[in-house]
C-alpha cells in the first residue's frame, strides 16, 4: 500500500467498540457524581484509646472533634495537642483513601492512558 493509504477506523464500527469520546464523557459524569457523593460520606477516627475522635467527610472537611473531658489536663496541654494532631492526620489519610477507592474504581482501567489511572497522583 502507498504511504498514508490504508484502512481508517472512525467512530463506531458495526460490532465494534463504542466511541471513545462517549466513554470519556460517561467517565467524567461518573467521576463528578462520585466526587459529590464523597461529601456525604464520613470517616471517624480516634486517638489515645478513644479519648479524641475526629469525623471528616470525603472532601477532607472536618465535621466534628470530640474530646473526652477526662483527658483535658491544664498541666499537660501538649499531650492533648499531640492527640489532636494524630487524630486529624489519621482522619485525613482515611478520607483520602476513601476517595482513592471510590474514584479508583472508575479510573482503574485508564492505566494505559499516560498514567491517568490514578489521575496523575491525585488519588494518593
N, C-alpha and C. Protein backbone atom coordinates (compact mmCIF):
# COMPACT_ATOMS: atom_id res chain seq x y z
N UNK A 1 0.83 -1.19 0.00
CA UNK A 1 0.00 0.00 0.00
C UNK A 1 0.87 1.24 0.00
N UNK A 2 0.37 2.27 -0.62
CA UNK A 2 1.10 3.54 -0.66
C UNK A 2 1.08 4.18 0.71
N UNK A 3 2.09 4.97 0.96
CA UNK A 3 2.21 5.66 2.23
C UNK A 3 0.99 6.55 2.46
N UNK A 4 0.43 6.48 3.66
CA UNK A 4 -0.72 7.33 4.00
C UNK A 4 -2.04 6.73 3.57
N UNK A 5 -2.01 5.64 2.86
CA UNK A 5 -3.24 4.99 2.43
C UNK A 5 -3.46 3.77 3.31
N UNK A 6 -4.68 3.48 3.52
CA UNK A 6 -4.98 2.29 4.30
C UNK A 6 -6.34 2.43 4.94
N UNK A 7 -6.64 1.47 5.72
CA UNK A 7 -7.94 1.43 6.36
C UNK A 7 -7.97 2.39 7.54
N UNK A 8 -8.99 3.19 7.61
CA UNK A 8 -9.16 4.13 8.73
C UNK A 8 -10.38 3.73 9.52
N UNK A 9 -10.27 3.84 10.81
CA UNK A 9 -11.39 3.49 11.68
C UNK A 9 -11.92 4.77 12.28
N UNK A 10 -13.18 5.01 12.11
CA UNK A 10 -13.81 6.22 12.66
C UNK A 10 -15.03 5.83 13.46
N UNK A 11 -15.20 6.51 14.58
CA UNK A 11 -16.43 6.35 15.36
C UNK A 11 -16.69 4.90 15.69
N UNK A 12 -17.91 4.52 15.58
CA UNK A 12 -18.34 3.19 15.95
C UNK A 12 -18.49 2.33 14.69
N UNK A 13 -17.77 1.26 14.68
CA UNK A 13 -17.86 0.30 13.60
C UNK A 13 -18.95 -0.71 13.95
N UNK A 14 -19.65 -1.26 12.97
CA UNK A 14 -20.63 -2.30 13.27
C UNK A 14 -19.97 -3.43 14.03
N UNK A 15 -20.52 -3.74 15.20
CA UNK A 15 -19.97 -4.80 16.04
C UNK A 15 -18.70 -4.38 16.78
N UNK A 16 -18.28 -3.13 16.64
CA UNK A 16 -17.06 -2.66 17.28
C UNK A 16 -17.32 -2.04 18.64
N UNK A 17 -16.29 -1.38 19.18
CA UNK A 17 -16.39 -0.73 20.49
C UNK A 17 -17.12 0.59 20.37
N UNK A 18 -17.75 1.03 21.48
CA UNK A 18 -18.39 2.36 21.46
C UNK A 18 -17.33 3.44 21.24
N UNK A 19 -17.77 4.55 20.78
CA UNK A 19 -16.88 5.68 20.53
C UNK A 19 -16.15 6.07 21.82
N UNK A 20 -14.84 6.27 21.73
CA UNK A 20 -14.01 6.60 22.89
C UNK A 20 -14.48 7.90 23.54
N UNK A 21 -14.93 8.83 22.75
CA UNK A 21 -15.40 10.11 23.29
C UNK A 21 -16.60 9.88 24.21
N UNK A 22 -17.50 9.00 23.83
CA UNK A 22 -18.66 8.70 24.67
C UNK A 22 -18.22 8.06 25.97
N UNK A 23 -17.24 7.18 25.89
CA UNK A 23 -16.74 6.52 27.09
C UNK A 23 -16.14 7.55 28.06
N UNK A 24 -15.38 8.49 27.51
CA UNK A 24 -14.74 9.50 28.36
C UNK A 24 -15.80 10.41 28.98
N UNK A 25 -16.80 10.80 28.22
CA UNK A 25 -17.86 11.66 28.76
C UNK A 25 -18.61 10.93 29.87
N UNK A 26 -18.87 9.65 29.68
CA UNK A 26 -19.56 8.87 30.72
C UNK A 26 -18.70 8.79 31.97
N UNK A 27 -17.39 8.56 31.78
CA UNK A 27 -16.47 8.50 32.91
C UNK A 27 -16.45 9.83 33.66
N UNK A 28 -16.44 10.95 32.93
CA UNK A 28 -16.45 12.26 33.57
C UNK A 28 -17.71 12.44 34.42
N UNK A 29 -18.84 12.04 33.89
CA UNK A 29 -20.11 12.15 34.64
C UNK A 29 -20.05 11.30 35.90
N UNK A 30 -19.53 10.08 35.77
CA UNK A 30 -19.44 9.20 36.93
C UNK A 30 -18.49 9.76 37.98
N UNK A 31 -17.40 10.37 37.53
CA UNK A 31 -16.44 10.95 38.48
C UNK A 31 -17.06 12.12 39.23
N UNK A 32 -17.80 12.97 38.54
CA UNK A 32 -18.47 14.10 39.21
C UNK A 32 -19.46 13.58 40.23
N UNK A 33 -20.25 12.59 39.85
CA UNK A 33 -21.22 12.01 40.78
C UNK A 33 -20.53 11.40 41.99
N UNK A 34 -19.44 10.69 41.75
CA UNK A 34 -18.70 10.06 42.85
C UNK A 34 -18.08 11.10 43.76
N UNK A 35 -17.50 12.15 43.18
CA UNK A 35 -16.91 13.21 44.00
C UNK A 35 -17.97 13.90 44.84
N UNK A 36 -19.14 14.15 44.26
CA UNK A 36 -20.23 14.75 45.03
C UNK A 36 -20.66 13.83 46.17
N UNK A 37 -20.77 12.55 45.90
CA UNK A 37 -21.19 11.58 46.91
C UNK A 37 -20.19 11.48 48.06
N UNK A 38 -18.91 11.72 47.77
CA UNK A 38 -17.90 11.67 48.83
C UNK A 38 -18.18 12.69 49.93
N UNK A 39 -18.80 13.80 49.59
CA UNK A 39 -19.14 14.80 50.60
C UNK A 39 -20.15 14.30 51.60
N UNK A 40 -20.91 13.26 51.22
CA UNK A 40 -21.92 12.69 52.11
C UNK A 40 -21.37 11.53 52.94
N UNK A 41 -20.16 11.10 52.66
CA UNK A 41 -19.57 10.00 53.41
C UNK A 41 -18.65 10.56 54.49
N UNK A 42 -18.71 9.93 55.66
CA UNK A 42 -17.93 10.40 56.81
C UNK A 42 -17.06 9.28 57.33
N UNK A 43 -15.82 9.63 57.67
CA UNK A 43 -14.88 8.71 58.31
C UNK A 43 -14.65 9.26 59.71
N UNK A 44 -14.74 8.40 60.72
CA UNK A 44 -14.47 8.82 62.09
C UNK A 44 -13.30 8.00 62.62
N UNK A 45 -12.30 8.70 63.15
CA UNK A 45 -11.13 8.03 63.73
C UNK A 45 -10.95 8.52 65.16
N UNK A 46 -10.26 7.70 65.94
CA UNK A 46 -9.99 8.06 67.33
C UNK A 46 -8.49 7.99 67.59
N UNK A 47 -8.08 8.67 68.64
CA UNK A 47 -6.68 8.64 69.09
C UNK A 47 -6.67 8.55 70.60
N UNK A 48 -5.57 8.08 71.12
CA UNK A 48 -5.44 7.99 72.57
C UNK A 48 -6.43 7.03 73.20
N UNK A 49 -6.70 5.93 72.52
CA UNK A 49 -7.63 4.95 73.06
C UNK A 49 -9.07 5.43 73.04
N UNK A 50 -9.38 6.36 72.18
CA UNK A 50 -10.75 6.83 72.03
C UNK A 50 -11.06 8.13 72.75
N UNK A 51 -10.07 8.75 73.38
CA UNK A 51 -10.33 9.99 74.12
C UNK A 51 -10.50 11.19 73.19
N UNK A 52 -9.99 11.08 71.97
CA UNK A 52 -10.17 12.12 70.96
C UNK A 52 -10.74 11.45 69.71
N UNK A 53 -11.83 12.01 69.18
CA UNK A 53 -12.42 11.49 67.95
C UNK A 53 -12.58 12.62 66.94
N UNK A 54 -12.25 12.32 65.69
CA UNK A 54 -12.39 13.29 64.62
C UNK A 54 -13.24 12.66 63.52
N UNK A 55 -14.27 13.40 63.10
CA UNK A 55 -15.10 12.97 61.97
C UNK A 55 -14.79 13.88 60.80
N UNK A 56 -14.52 13.29 59.64
CA UNK A 56 -14.14 14.04 58.45
C UNK A 56 -14.90 13.45 57.26
N UNK A 57 -15.31 14.31 56.34
CA UNK A 57 -16.05 13.79 55.18
C UNK A 57 -15.10 13.48 54.03
N UNK A 58 -15.65 12.95 52.96
CA UNK A 58 -14.86 12.55 51.81
C UNK A 58 -14.24 13.71 51.04
N UNK A 59 -14.59 14.93 51.39
CA UNK A 59 -13.96 16.12 50.80
C UNK A 59 -12.85 16.66 51.68
N UNK A 60 -12.45 15.88 52.69
CA UNK A 60 -11.42 16.24 53.66
C UNK A 60 -11.79 17.48 54.48
N UNK A 61 -13.05 17.60 54.81
CA UNK A 61 -13.53 18.68 55.68
C UNK A 61 -13.86 18.08 57.05
N UNK A 62 -13.24 18.60 58.09
CA UNK A 62 -13.51 18.12 59.44
C UNK A 62 -14.92 18.54 59.83
N UNK A 63 -15.72 17.55 60.21
CA UNK A 63 -17.11 17.81 60.60
C UNK A 63 -17.26 17.96 62.10
N UNK A 64 -16.47 17.20 62.85
CA UNK A 64 -16.56 17.33 64.31
C UNK A 64 -15.30 16.79 64.97
N UNK A 65 -15.05 17.32 66.16
CA UNK A 65 -13.97 16.84 67.01
C UNK A 65 -14.56 16.67 68.40
N UNK A 66 -14.36 15.49 68.95
CA UNK A 66 -14.87 15.20 70.28
C UNK A 66 -13.70 14.86 71.20
N UNK A 67 -13.71 15.48 72.38
CA UNK A 67 -12.64 15.25 73.36
C UNK A 67 -13.27 14.80 74.67
N UNK A 68 -12.80 13.68 75.18
CA UNK A 68 -13.26 13.19 76.47
C UNK A 68 -12.79 14.19 77.54
N UNK A 69 -13.73 14.76 78.32
CA UNK A 69 -13.34 15.77 79.33
C UNK A 69 -12.27 15.28 80.31
N UNK A 70 -12.20 13.99 80.53
CA UNK A 70 -11.22 13.48 81.49
C UNK A 70 -9.78 13.60 80.99
N UNK A 71 -9.60 13.75 79.68
CA UNK A 71 -8.26 13.87 79.13
C UNK A 71 -7.76 15.31 79.17
N UNK A 72 -8.64 16.25 79.45
CA UNK A 72 -8.27 17.67 79.49
C UNK A 72 -7.56 17.94 80.83
N UNK A 73 -6.26 18.12 80.73
CA UNK A 73 -5.44 18.39 81.90
C UNK A 73 -4.71 19.71 81.65
N UNK A 74 -5.06 20.76 82.37
CA UNK A 74 -4.41 22.05 82.15
C UNK A 74 -2.89 22.00 82.32
N UNK A 75 -2.41 21.00 83.04
CA UNK A 75 -0.97 20.86 83.27
C UNK A 75 -0.28 20.14 82.10
N UNK A 76 -1.07 19.53 81.21
CA UNK A 76 -0.47 18.76 80.12
C UNK A 76 -1.22 19.02 78.81
N UNK A 77 -1.27 20.27 78.39
CA UNK A 77 -1.94 20.66 77.16
C UNK A 77 -1.22 20.04 75.96
N UNK A 78 0.07 19.87 76.05
CA UNK A 78 0.84 19.32 74.94
C UNK A 78 0.36 17.92 74.56
N UNK A 79 0.01 17.10 75.54
CA UNK A 79 -0.48 15.76 75.25
C UNK A 79 -1.79 15.83 74.46
N UNK A 80 -2.69 16.72 74.83
CA UNK A 80 -3.95 16.88 74.12
C UNK A 80 -3.70 17.37 72.70
N UNK A 81 -2.77 18.29 72.54
CA UNK A 81 -2.43 18.78 71.21
C UNK A 81 -1.89 17.65 70.33
N UNK A 82 -1.03 16.81 70.92
CA UNK A 82 -0.49 15.67 70.17
C UNK A 82 -1.59 14.71 69.75
N UNK A 83 -2.53 14.47 70.64
CA UNK A 83 -3.66 13.59 70.31
C UNK A 83 -4.50 14.18 69.18
N UNK A 84 -4.71 15.48 69.23
CA UNK A 84 -5.50 16.14 68.19
C UNK A 84 -4.80 16.03 66.83
N UNK A 85 -3.51 16.30 66.79
CA UNK A 85 -2.76 16.20 65.54
C UNK A 85 -2.83 14.78 64.99
N UNK A 86 -2.62 13.80 65.86
CA UNK A 86 -2.66 12.39 65.42
C UNK A 86 -4.03 12.04 64.87
N UNK A 87 -5.09 12.44 65.55
CA UNK A 87 -6.45 12.11 65.10
C UNK A 87 -6.80 12.80 63.78
N UNK A 88 -6.46 14.07 63.65
CA UNK A 88 -6.78 14.80 62.42
C UNK A 88 -5.99 14.23 61.24
N UNK A 89 -4.70 13.95 61.45
CA UNK A 89 -3.90 13.39 60.36
C UNK A 89 -4.41 12.02 59.93
N UNK A 90 -4.77 11.18 60.88
CA UNK A 90 -5.31 9.86 60.54
C UNK A 90 -6.65 10.00 59.82
N UNK A 91 -7.47 10.94 60.25
CA UNK A 91 -8.76 11.16 59.58
C UNK A 91 -8.56 11.60 58.13
N UNK A 92 -7.61 12.49 57.91
CA UNK A 92 -7.32 12.94 56.54
C UNK A 92 -6.84 11.77 55.69
N UNK A 93 -5.94 10.96 56.23
CA UNK A 93 -5.42 9.82 55.48
C UNK A 93 -6.55 8.85 55.12
N UNK A 94 -7.44 8.57 56.06
CA UNK A 94 -8.54 7.65 55.78
C UNK A 94 -9.53 8.24 54.79
N UNK A 95 -9.75 9.54 54.86
CA UNK A 95 -10.64 10.20 53.91
C UNK A 95 -10.04 10.17 52.51
N UNK A 96 -8.75 10.38 52.40
CA UNK A 96 -8.08 10.30 51.10
C UNK A 96 -8.12 8.88 50.55
N UNK A 97 -7.96 7.90 51.42
CA UNK A 97 -8.04 6.50 50.99
C UNK A 97 -9.44 6.18 50.49
N UNK A 98 -10.45 6.71 51.16
CA UNK A 98 -11.83 6.51 50.73
C UNK A 98 -12.05 7.10 49.34
N UNK A 99 -11.55 8.32 49.13
CA UNK A 99 -11.69 8.97 47.82
C UNK A 99 -10.94 8.18 46.76
N UNK A 100 -9.74 7.71 47.07
CA UNK A 100 -8.96 6.94 46.10
C UNK A 100 -9.68 5.64 45.74
N UNK A 101 -10.29 5.02 46.74
CA UNK A 101 -11.02 3.78 46.50
C UNK A 101 -12.21 4.01 45.58
N UNK A 102 -13.00 5.04 45.89
CA UNK A 102 -14.21 5.32 45.11
C UNK A 102 -13.86 5.77 43.68
N UNK A 103 -12.92 6.70 43.56
CA UNK A 103 -12.56 7.21 42.24
C UNK A 103 -11.68 6.22 41.48
N UNK A 104 -10.87 5.47 42.19
CA UNK A 104 -10.04 4.47 41.55
C UNK A 104 -10.85 3.38 40.88
N UNK A 105 -12.03 3.09 41.44
CA UNK A 105 -12.91 2.11 40.82
C UNK A 105 -13.33 2.58 39.43
N UNK A 106 -13.42 3.88 39.25
CA UNK A 106 -13.80 4.42 37.94
C UNK A 106 -12.61 4.56 37.01
N UNK A 107 -11.47 4.98 37.54
CA UNK A 107 -10.32 5.30 36.69
C UNK A 107 -9.32 4.17 36.57
N UNK A 108 -9.52 3.08 37.26
CA UNK A 108 -8.56 1.98 37.26
C UNK A 108 -8.23 1.46 35.89
N UNK A 109 -9.15 1.49 34.97
CA UNK A 109 -8.93 0.98 33.64
C UNK A 109 -8.20 1.94 32.73
N UNK A 110 -7.79 3.09 33.22
CA UNK A 110 -7.14 4.08 32.37
C UNK A 110 -5.63 4.07 32.49
N UNK A 111 -5.07 3.03 33.07
CA UNK A 111 -3.62 2.97 33.28
C UNK A 111 -2.83 3.15 32.00
N UNK A 112 -3.37 2.74 30.87
CA UNK A 112 -2.65 2.86 29.61
C UNK A 112 -2.75 4.23 28.98
N UNK A 113 -3.48 5.16 29.57
CA UNK A 113 -3.63 6.49 29.01
C UNK A 113 -2.71 7.48 29.71
N UNK A 114 -1.44 7.24 29.61
CA UNK A 114 -0.46 8.18 30.17
C UNK A 114 -0.52 8.28 31.66
N UNK A 115 -0.85 7.19 32.36
CA UNK A 115 -0.87 7.20 33.81
C UNK A 115 -2.09 7.86 34.41
N UNK A 116 -3.16 8.01 33.65
CA UNK A 116 -4.36 8.63 34.20
C UNK A 116 -5.13 7.71 35.12
N UNK A 117 -4.69 6.47 35.27
CA UNK A 117 -5.38 5.53 36.14
C UNK A 117 -5.48 6.03 37.56
N UNK A 118 -4.51 6.83 38.00
CA UNK A 118 -4.60 7.42 39.33
C UNK A 118 -4.69 8.94 39.25
N UNK A 119 -5.13 9.44 38.12
CA UNK A 119 -5.28 10.88 37.87
C UNK A 119 -3.99 11.64 38.17
N UNK A 120 -2.90 11.09 37.70
CA UNK A 120 -1.62 11.78 37.84
C UNK A 120 -1.19 11.94 39.29
N UNK A 121 -1.59 11.02 40.16
CA UNK A 121 -1.19 11.06 41.56
C UNK A 121 -2.18 11.77 42.45
N UNK A 122 -3.29 12.25 41.93
CA UNK A 122 -4.26 12.96 42.75
C UNK A 122 -5.02 12.06 43.70
N UNK A 123 -4.96 10.75 43.48
CA UNK A 123 -5.73 9.84 44.31
C UNK A 123 -4.87 9.17 45.38
N UNK A 124 -3.76 9.71 45.66
CA UNK A 124 -2.95 9.13 46.73
C UNK A 124 -1.60 8.72 46.32
